[in-house]
Amino acid sequence: MGVEPYYAPYTRIIPSSRHRAISKLARKTNHVERFNCTLRQRVSRLVRATLSFSKKLSNHIGAIRYFICGYNITKCAALPG
């Protein structure tokens, strides 16, 4: 039983001009989805509308930047070397 190289429903329904099919082995979205989940969990102002809410967009952007900077520093420190 071989692995189907492309997800057939996409290739039949969505025109090839609007969708580029890739094999299941080439999909690597799990890293991006894991980061998005971590971001939502740790930056509570993205989830809640009460306790961590701020009216200014610049405060939201600052909180996300602060999280990403700390996240990158933590990941970098954990690398061997």
PDB file of N, CA and C in Angstrom:
ATOM      1  N   MET A   1       0.847  -1.183   0.000  1.00  0.00           N
ATOM      2  CA  MET A   1       0.000   0.000   0.000  1.00  0.00           C
ATOM      3  C   MET A   1       0.890   1.242   0.000  1.00  0.00           C
ATOM      4  N   GLY A   2       0.878   1.988  -1.078  1.00  0.00           N
ATOM      5  CA  GLY A   2       1.713   3.173  -1.196  1.00  0.00           C
ATOM      6  C   GLY A   2       1.036   4.413  -0.635  1.00  0.00           C
ATOM      7  N   VAL A   3       1.823   5.422  -0.393  1.00  0.00           N
ATOM      8  CA  VAL A   3       1.298   6.693   0.092  1.00  0.00           C
ATOM      9  C   VAL A   3       0.872   7.517  -1.108  1.00  0.00           C
ATOM     10  N   GLU A   4      -0.357   8.025  -1.046  1.00  0.00           N
ATOM     11  CA  GLU A   4      -0.860   8.868  -2.134  1.00  0.00           C
ATOM     12  C   GLU A   4      -0.057  10.163  -2.172  1.00  0.00           C
ATOM     13  N   PRO A   5       0.554  10.505  -3.307  1.00  0.00           N
ATOM     14  CA  PRO A   5       1.439  11.663  -3.333  1.00  0.00           C
ATOM     15  C   PRO A   5       0.718  13.003  -3.155  1.00  0.00           C
ATOM     16  N   TYR A   6      -0.519  13.104  -3.619  1.00  0.00           N
ATOM     17  CA  TYR A   6      -1.263  14.358  -3.504  1.00  0.00           C
ATOM     18  C   TYR A   6      -2.646  14.072  -2.955  1.00  0.00           C
ATOM     19  N   TYR A   7      -3.192  15.054  -2.254  1.00  0.00           N
ATOM     20  CA  TYR A   7      -4.528  14.905  -1.714  1.00  0.00           C
ATOM     21  C   TYR A   7      -5.514  15.110  -2.852  1.00  0.00           C
ATOM     22  N   ALA A   8      -6.120  14.041  -3.319  1.00  0.00           N
ATOM     23  CA  ALA A   8      -6.922  14.021  -4.544  1.00  0.00           C
ATOM     24  C   ALA A   8      -8.079  15.024  -4.574  1.00  0.00           C
ATOM     25  N   PRO A   9      -8.854  15.206  -3.510  1.00  0.00           N
ATOM     26  CA  PRO A   9      -9.967  16.154  -3.606  1.00  0.00           C
ATOM     27  C   PRO A   9      -9.536  17.568  -3.994  1.00  0.00           C
ATOM     28  N   TYR A  10      -8.375  18.012  -3.509  1.00  0.00           N
ATOM     29  CA  TYR A  10      -7.907  19.343  -3.886  1.00  0.00           C
ATOM     30  C   TYR A  10      -7.619  19.426  -5.372  1.00  0.00           C
ATOM     31  N   THR A  11      -6.983  18.416  -5.905  1.00  0.00           N
ATOM     32  CA  THR A  11      -6.616  18.454  -7.318  1.00  0.00           C
ATOM     33  C   THR A  11      -7.834  18.354  -8.220  1.00  0.00           C
ATOM     34  N   ARG A  12      -8.926  17.759  -7.735  1.00  0.00           N
ATOM     35  CA  ARG A  12     -10.142  17.649  -8.542  1.00  0.00           C
ATOM     36  C   ARG A  12     -11.030  18.887  -8.442  1.00  0.00           C
ATOM     37  N   ILE A  13     -11.039  19.575  -7.302  1.00  0.00           N
ATOM     38  CA  ILE A  13     -11.998  20.662  -7.074  1.00  0.00           C
ATOM     39  C   ILE A  13     -11.389  22.037  -7.302  1.00  0.00           C
ATOM     40  N   ILE A  14     -10.224  22.283  -6.738  1.00  0.00           N
ATOM     41  CA  ILE A  14      -9.604  23.603  -6.840  1.00  0.00           C
ATOM     42  C   ILE A  14      -8.773  23.651  -8.120  1.00  0.00           C
ATOM     43  N   PRO A  15      -8.984  24.685  -8.948  1.00  0.00           N
ATOM     44  CA  PRO A  15      -8.222  24.766 -10.203  1.00  0.00           C
ATOM     45  C   PRO A  15      -6.719  24.850  -9.945  1.00  0.00           C
ATOM     46  N   SER A  16      -5.943  24.242 -10.818  1.00  0.00           N
ATOM     47  CA  SER A  16      -4.491  24.215 -10.625  1.00  0.00           C
ATOM     48  C   SER A  16      -3.880  25.613 -10.690  1.00  0.00           C
ATOM     49  N   SER A  17      -4.565  26.555 -11.311  1.00  0.00           N
ATOM     50  CA  SER A  17      -4.053  27.931 -11.345  1.00  0.00           C
ATOM     51  C   SER A  17      -4.129  28.600  -9.976  1.00  0.00           C
ATOM     52  N   ARG A  18      -4.975  28.081  -9.081  1.00  0.00           N
ATOM     53  CA  ARG A  18      -5.139  28.674  -7.756  1.00  0.00           C
ATOM     54  C   ARG A  18      -4.559  27.826  -6.644  1.00  0.00           C
ATOM     55  N   HIS A  19      -4.116  26.613  -6.962  1.00  0.00           N
ATOM     56  CA  HIS A  19      -3.619  25.719  -5.916  1.00  0.00           C
ATOM     57  C   HIS A  19      -2.470  24.881  -6.469  1.00  0.00           C
ATOM     58  N   ARG A  20      -1.396  24.839  -5.722  1.00  0.00           N
ATOM     59  CA  ARG A  20      -0.252  24.012  -6.105  1.00  0.00           C
ATOM     60  C   ARG A  20      -0.187  22.848  -5.134  1.00  0.00           C
ATOM     61  N   ALA A  21      -0.447  21.666  -5.636  1.00  0.00           N
ATOM     62  CA  ALA A  21      -0.453  20.477  -4.786  1.00  0.00           C
ATOM     63  C   ALA A  21       0.974  20.080  -4.441  1.00  0.00           C
ATOM     64  N   ILE A  22       1.156  19.641  -3.192  1.00  0.00           N
ATOM     65  CA  ILE A  22       2.460  19.125  -2.757  1.00  0.00           C
ATOM     66  C   ILE A  22       2.242  17.753  -2.149  1.00  0.00           C
ATOM     67  N   SER A  23       3.282  16.995  -2.058  1.00  0.00           N
ATOM     68  CA  SER A  23       3.146  15.653  -1.485  1.00  0.00           C
ATOM     69  C   SER A  23       3.006  15.743   0.030  1.00  0.00           C
ATOM     70  N   LYS A  24       2.489  14.686   0.626  1.00  0.00           N
ATOM     71  CA  LYS A  24       2.331  14.652   2.082  1.00  0.00           C
ATOM     72  C   LYS A  24       3.671  14.736   2.791  1.00  0.00           C
ATOM     73  N   LEU A  25       4.713  14.241   2.137  1.00  0.00           N
ATOM     74  CA  LEU A  25       6.039  14.268   2.750  1.00  0.00           C
ATOM     75  C   LEU A  25       6.627  15.679   2.790  1.00  0.00           C
ATOM     76  N   ALA A  26       6.145  16.579   1.932  1.00  0.00           N
ATOM     77  CA  ALA A  26       6.691  17.929   1.860  1.00  0.00           C
ATOM     78  C   ALA A  26       6.005  18.895   2.822  1.00  0.00           C
ATOM     79  N   ARG A  27       4.903  18.500   3.410  1.00  0.00           N
ATOM     80  CA  ARG A  27       4.159  19.406   4.304  1.00  0.00           C
ATOM     81  C   ARG A  27       4.909  19.588   5.607  1.00  0.00           C
ATOM     82  N   LYS A  28       5.121  20.812   5.983  1.00  0.00           N
ATOM     83  CA  LYS A  28       5.834  21.094   7.217  1.00  0.00           C
ATOM     84  C   LYS A  28       5.136  22.199   8.012  1.00  0.00           C
ATOM     85  N   THR A  29       3.807  22.193   7.995  1.00  0.00           N
ATOM     86  CA  THR A  29       3.070  23.240   8.684  1.00  0.00           C
ATOM     87  C   THR A  29       2.977  23.008  10.187  1.00  0.00           C
ATOM     88  N   ASN A  30       3.337  21.827  10.662  1.00  0.00           N
ATOM     89  CA  ASN A  30       3.180  21.556  12.087  1.00  0.00           C
ATOM     90  C   ASN A  30       4.028  22.492  12.953  1.00  0.00           C
ATOM     91  N   HIS A  31       5.186  22.926  12.456  1.00  0.00           N
ATOM     92  CA  HIS A  31       6.023  23.850  13.229  1.00  0.00           C
ATOM     93  C   HIS A  31       5.351  25.213  13.351  1.00  0.00           C
ATOM     94  N   VAL A  32       4.767  25.677  12.261  1.00  0.00           N
ATOM     95  CA  VAL A  32       4.079  26.968  12.268  1.00  0.00           C
ATOM     96  C   VAL A  32       2.850  26.896  13.167  1.00  0.00           C
ATOM     97  N   GLU A  33       2.074  25.833  13.056  1.00  0.00           N
ATOM     98  CA  GLU A  33       0.885  25.692  13.885  1.00  0.00           C
ATOM     99  C   GLU A  33       1.242  25.577  15.364  1.00  0.00           C
ATOM    100  N   ARG A  34       2.337  24.901  15.687  1.00  0.00           N
ATOM    101  CA  ARG A  34       2.769  24.795  17.082  1.00  0.00           C
ATOM    102  C   ARG A  34       3.147  26.169  17.628  1.00  0.00           C
ATOM    103  N   PHE A  35       3.840  26.975  16.823  1.00  0.00           N
ATOM    104  CA  PHE A  35       4.210  28.317  17.270  1.00  0.00           C
ATOM    105  C   PHE A  35       2.966  29.181  17.461  1.00  0.00           C
ATOM    106  N   ASN A  36       1.996  29.090  16.536  1.00  0.00           N
ATOM    107  CA  ASN A  36       0.758  29.866  16.669  1.00  0.00           C
ATOM    108  C   ASN A  36       0.021  29.500  17.947  1.00  0.00           C
ATOM    109  N   CYS A  37      -0.009  28.213  18.271  1.00  0.00           N
ATOM    110  CA  CYS A  37      -0.675  27.775  19.498  1.00  0.00           C
ATOM    111  C   CYS A  37       0.057  28.302  20.734  1.00  0.00           C
ATOM    112  N   THR A  38       1.383  28.233  20.715  1.00  0.00           N
ATOM    113  CA  THR A  38       2.178  28.753  21.835  1.00  0.00           C
ATOM    114  C   THR A  38       1.965  30.252  21.987  1.00  0.00           C
ATOM    115  N   LEU A  39       1.927  30.968  20.888  1.00  0.00           N
ATOM    116  CA  LEU A  39       1.691  32.410  20.922  1.00  0.00           C
ATOM    117  C   LEU A  39       0.343  32.725  21.549  1.00  0.00           C
ATOM    118  N   ARG A  40      -0.697  32.015  21.141  1.00  0.00           N
ATOM    119  CA  ARG A  40      -2.034  32.247  21.703  1.00  0.00           C
ATOM    120  C   ARG A  40      -2.078  31.935  23.188  1.00  0.00           C
ATOM    121  N   GLN A  41      -1.382  30.890  23.614  1.00  0.00           N
ATOM    122  CA  GLN A  41      -1.407  30.508  25.022  1.00  0.00           C
ATOM    123  C   GLN A  41      -0.644  31.491  25.892  1.00  0.00           C
ATOM    124  N   ARG A  42       0.463  32.002  25.405  1.00  0.00           N
ATOM    125  CA  ARG A  42       1.327  32.839  26.248  1.00  0.00           C
ATOM    126  C   ARG A  42       1.015  34.318  26.177  1.00  0.00           C
ATOM    127  N   VAL A  43       0.433  34.780  25.085  1.00  0.00           N
ATOM    128  CA  VAL A  43       0.052  36.191  24.975  1.00  0.00           C
ATOM    129  C   VAL A  43      -1.464  36.247  25.159  1.00  0.00           C
ATOM    130  N   SER A  44      -1.865  36.349  26.404  1.00  0.00           N
ATOM    131  CA  SER A  44      -3.285  36.221  26.740  1.00  0.00           C
ATOM    132  C   SER A  44      -4.149  37.311  26.131  1.00  0.00           C
ATOM    133  N   ARG A  45      -3.577  38.441  25.810  1.00  0.00           N
ATOM    134  CA  ARG A  45      -4.395  39.504  25.239  1.00  0.00           C
ATOM    135  C   ARG A  45      -4.895  39.150  23.847  1.00  0.00           C
ATOM    136  N   LEU A  46      -4.344  38.109  23.227  1.00  0.00           N
ATOM    137  CA  LEU A  46      -4.844  37.657  21.932  1.00  0.00           C
ATOM    138  C   LEU A  46      -6.073  36.773  22.087  1.00  0.00           C
ATOM    139  N   VAL A  47      -6.306  36.263  23.289  1.00  0.00           N
ATOM    140  CA  VAL A  47      -7.403  35.333  23.518  1.00  0.00           C
ATOM    141  C   VAL A  47      -8.528  35.986  24.307  1.00  0.00           C
ATOM    142  N   ARG A  48      -8.173  36.667  25.375  1.00  0.00           N
ATOM    143  CA  ARG A  48      -9.183  37.226  26.267  1.00  0.00           C
ATOM    144  C   ARG A  48      -9.518  38.658  25.893  1.00  0.00           C
ATOM    145  N   ALA A  49     -10.735  39.046  26.167  1.00  0.00           N
ATOM    146  CA  ALA A  49     -11.165  40.409  25.882  1.00  0.00           C
ATOM    147  C   ALA A  49     -11.351  41.218  27.159  1.00  0.00           C
ATOM    148  N   THR A  50     -10.914  40.702  28.299  1.00  0.00           N
ATOM    149  CA  THR A  50     -11.156  41.431  29.548  1.00  0.00           C
ATOM    150  C   THR A  50      -9.868  41.746  30.288  1.00  0.00           C
ATOM    151  N   LEU A  51      -9.315  40.822  31.027  1.00  0.00           N
ATOM    152  CA  LEU A  51      -8.217  41.114  31.934  1.00  0.00           C
ATOM    153  C   LEU A  51      -6.968  41.660  31.244  1.00  0.00           C
ATOM    154  N   SER A  52      -6.620  41.124  30.109  1.00  0.00           N
ATOM    155  CA  SER A  52      -5.382  41.524  29.445  1.00  0.00           C
ATOM    156  C   SER A  52      -5.641  42.424  28.250  1.00  0.00           C
ATOM    157  N   PHE A  53      -6.806  42.990  28.177  1.00  0.00           N
ATOM    158  CA  PHE A  53      -7.180  43.777  27.011  1.00  0.00           C
ATOM    159  C   PHE A  53      -6.541  45.155  27.053  1.00  0.00           C
ATOM    160  N   SER A  54      -6.088  45.640  25.913  1.00  0.00           N
ATOM    161  CA  SER A  54      -5.629  47.019  25.809  1.00  0.00           C
ATOM    162  C   SER A  54      -6.227  47.624  24.542  1.00  0.00           C
ATOM    163  N   LYS A  55      -6.531  48.894  24.598  1.00  0.00           N
ATOM    164  CA  LYS A  55      -7.228  49.540  23.493  1.00  0.00           C
ATOM    165  C   LYS A  55      -6.318  49.923  22.339  1.00  0.00           C
ATOM    166  N   LYS A  56      -5.047  50.058  22.613  1.00  0.00           N
ATOM    167  CA  LYS A  56      -4.124  50.507  21.573  1.00  0.00           C
ATOM    168  C   LYS A  56      -3.507  49.329  20.829  1.00  0.00           C
ATOM    169  N   LEU A  57      -3.493  49.431  19.516  1.00  0.00           N
ATOM    170  CA  LEU A  57      -2.868  48.405  18.686  1.00  0.00           C
ATOM    171  C   LEU A  57      -1.377  48.311  18.981  1.00  0.00           C
ATOM    172  N   SER A  58      -0.756  49.449  19.271  1.00  0.00           N
ATOM    173  CA  SER A  58       0.683  49.440  19.550  1.00  0.00           C
ATOM    174  C   SER A  58       1.007  48.603  20.793  1.00  0.00           C
ATOM    175  N   ASN A  59       0.101  48.548  21.766  1.00  0.00           N
ATOM    176  CA  ASN A  59       0.318  47.710  22.951  1.00  0.00           C
ATOM    177  C   ASN A  59       0.249  46.228  22.593  1.00  0.00           C
ATOM    178  N   HIS A  60      -0.662  45.865  21.701  1.00  0.00           N
ATOM    179  CA  HIS A  60      -0.754  44.473  21.246  1.00  0.00           C
ATOM    180  C   HIS A  60       0.514  44.083  20.499  1.00  0.00           C
ATOM    181  N   ILE A  61       0.949  44.939  19.603  1.00  0.00           N
ATOM    182  CA  ILE A  61       2.157  44.678  18.824  1.00  0.00           C
ATOM    183  C   ILE A  61       3.363  44.562  19.751  1.00  0.00           C
ATOM    184  N   GLY A  62       3.438  45.440  20.743  1.00  0.00           N
ATOM    185  CA  GLY A  62       4.539  45.386  21.706  1.00  0.00           C
ATOM    186  C   GLY A  62       4.544  44.086  22.496  1.00  0.00           C
ATOM    187  N   ALA A  63       3.366  43.625  22.904  1.00  0.00           N
ATOM    188  CA  ALA A  63       3.279  42.372  23.657  1.00  0.00           C
ATOM    189  C   ALA A  63       3.715  41.189  22.801  1.00  0.00           C
ATOM    190  N   ILE A  64       3.347  41.201  21.528  1.00  0.00           N
ATOM    191  CA  ILE A  64       3.744  40.118  20.629  1.00  0.00           C
ATOM    192  C   ILE A  64       5.250  40.165  20.391  1.00  0.00           C
ATOM    193  N   ARG A  65       5.796  41.360  20.190  1.00  0.00           N
ATOM    194  CA  ARG A  65       7.246  41.488  20.003  1.00  0.00           C
ATOM    195  C   ARG A  65       8.010  41.024  21.237  1.00  0.00           C
ATOM    196  N   TYR A  66       7.516  41.407  22.397  1.00  0.00           N
ATOM    197  CA  TYR A  66       8.139  41.008  23.654  1.00  0.00           C
ATOM    198  C   TYR A  66       8.155  39.491  23.779  1.00  0.00           C
ATOM    199  N   PHE A  67       7.025  38.846  23.455  1.00  0.00           N
ATOM    200  CA  PHE A  67       6.951  37.394  23.516  1.00  0.00           C
ATOM    201  C   PHE A  67       7.923  36.751  22.529  1.00  0.00           C
ATOM    202  N   ILE A  68       7.926  37.214  21.273  1.00  0.00           N
ATOM    203  CA  ILE A  68       8.782  36.614  20.254  1.00  0.00           C
ATOM    204  C   ILE A  68      10.251  36.769  20.619  1.00  0.00           C
ATOM    205  N   CYS A  69      10.629  37.913  21.137  1.00  0.00           N
ATOM    206  CA  CYS A  69      12.025  38.126  21.542  1.00  0.00           C
ATOM    207  C   CYS A  69      12.415  37.152  22.650  1.00  0.00           C
ATOM    208  N   GLY A  70      11.594  37.046  23.672  1.00  0.00           N
ATOM    209  CA  GLY A  70      11.872  36.112  24.760  1.00  0.00           C
ATOM    210  C   GLY A  70      11.864  34.671  24.296  1.00  0.00           C
ATOM    211  N   TYR A  71      10.945  34.333  23.415  1.00  0.00           N
ATOM    212  CA  TYR A  71      10.849  32.978  22.877  1.00  0.00           C
ATOM    213  C   TYR A  71      12.119  32.622  22.110  1.00  0.00           C
ATOM    214  N   ASN A  72      12.584  33.548  21.264  1.00  0.00           N
ATOM    215  CA  ASN A  72      13.800  33.300  20.483  1.00  0.00           C
ATOM    216  C   ASN A  72      15.039  33.173  21.367  1.00  0.00           C
ATOM    217  N   ILE A  73      15.116  34.009  22.405  1.00  0.00           N
ATOM    218  CA  ILE A  73      16.260  33.938  23.321  1.00  0.00           C
ATOM    219  C   ILE A  73      16.262  32.598  24.048  1.00  0.00           C
ATOM    220  N   THR A  74      15.087  32.153  24.484  1.00  0.00           N
ATOM    221  CA  THR A  74      14.974  30.867  25.170  1.00  0.00           C
ATOM    222  C   THR A  74      15.351  29.715  24.250  1.00  0.00           C
ATOM    223  N   LYS A  75      14.853  29.742  23.013  1.00  0.00           N
ATOM    224  CA  LYS A  75      15.173  28.683  22.049  1.00  0.00           C
ATOM    225  C   LYS A  75      16.659  28.686  21.715  1.00  0.00           C
ATOM    226  N   CYS A  76      17.247  29.858  21.564  1.00  0.00           N
ATOM    227  CA  CYS A  76      18.665  29.967  21.227  1.00  0.00           C
ATOM    228  C   CYS A  76      19.532  29.440  22.364  1.00  0.00           C
ATOM    229  N   ALA A  77      19.145  29.734  23.599  1.00  0.00           N
ATOM    230  CA  ALA A  77      19.914  29.282  24.758  1.00  0.00           C
ATOM    231  C   ALA A  77      19.845  27.758  24.918  1.00  0.00           C
ATOM    232  N   ALA A  78      18.762  27.154  24.416  1.00  0.00           N
ATOM    233  CA  ALA A  78      18.600  25.717  24.553  1.00  0.00           C
ATOM    234  C   ALA A  78      19.361  24.930  23.492  1.00  0.00           C
ATOM    235  N   LEU A  79      19.864  25.609  22.464  1.00  0.00           N
ATOM    236  CA  LEU A  79      20.591  24.905  21.410  1.00  0.00           C
ATOM    237  C   LEU A  79      21.941  24.419  21.926  1.00  0.00           C
ATOM    238  N   PRO A  80      22.358  23.248  21.497  1.00  0.00           N
ATOM    239  CA  PRO A  80      23.664  22.763  21.931  1.00  0.00           C
ATOM    240  C   PRO A  80      24.782  23.562  21.252  1.00  0.00           C
ATOM    241  N   GLY A  81      25.856  23.718  21.946  1.00  0.00           N
ATOM    242  CA  GLY A  81      26.920  24.356  21.228  1.00  0.00           C
ATOM    243  C   GLY A  81      27.795  25.226  21.973  1.00  0.00           C
TER     244      GLY A  81
END
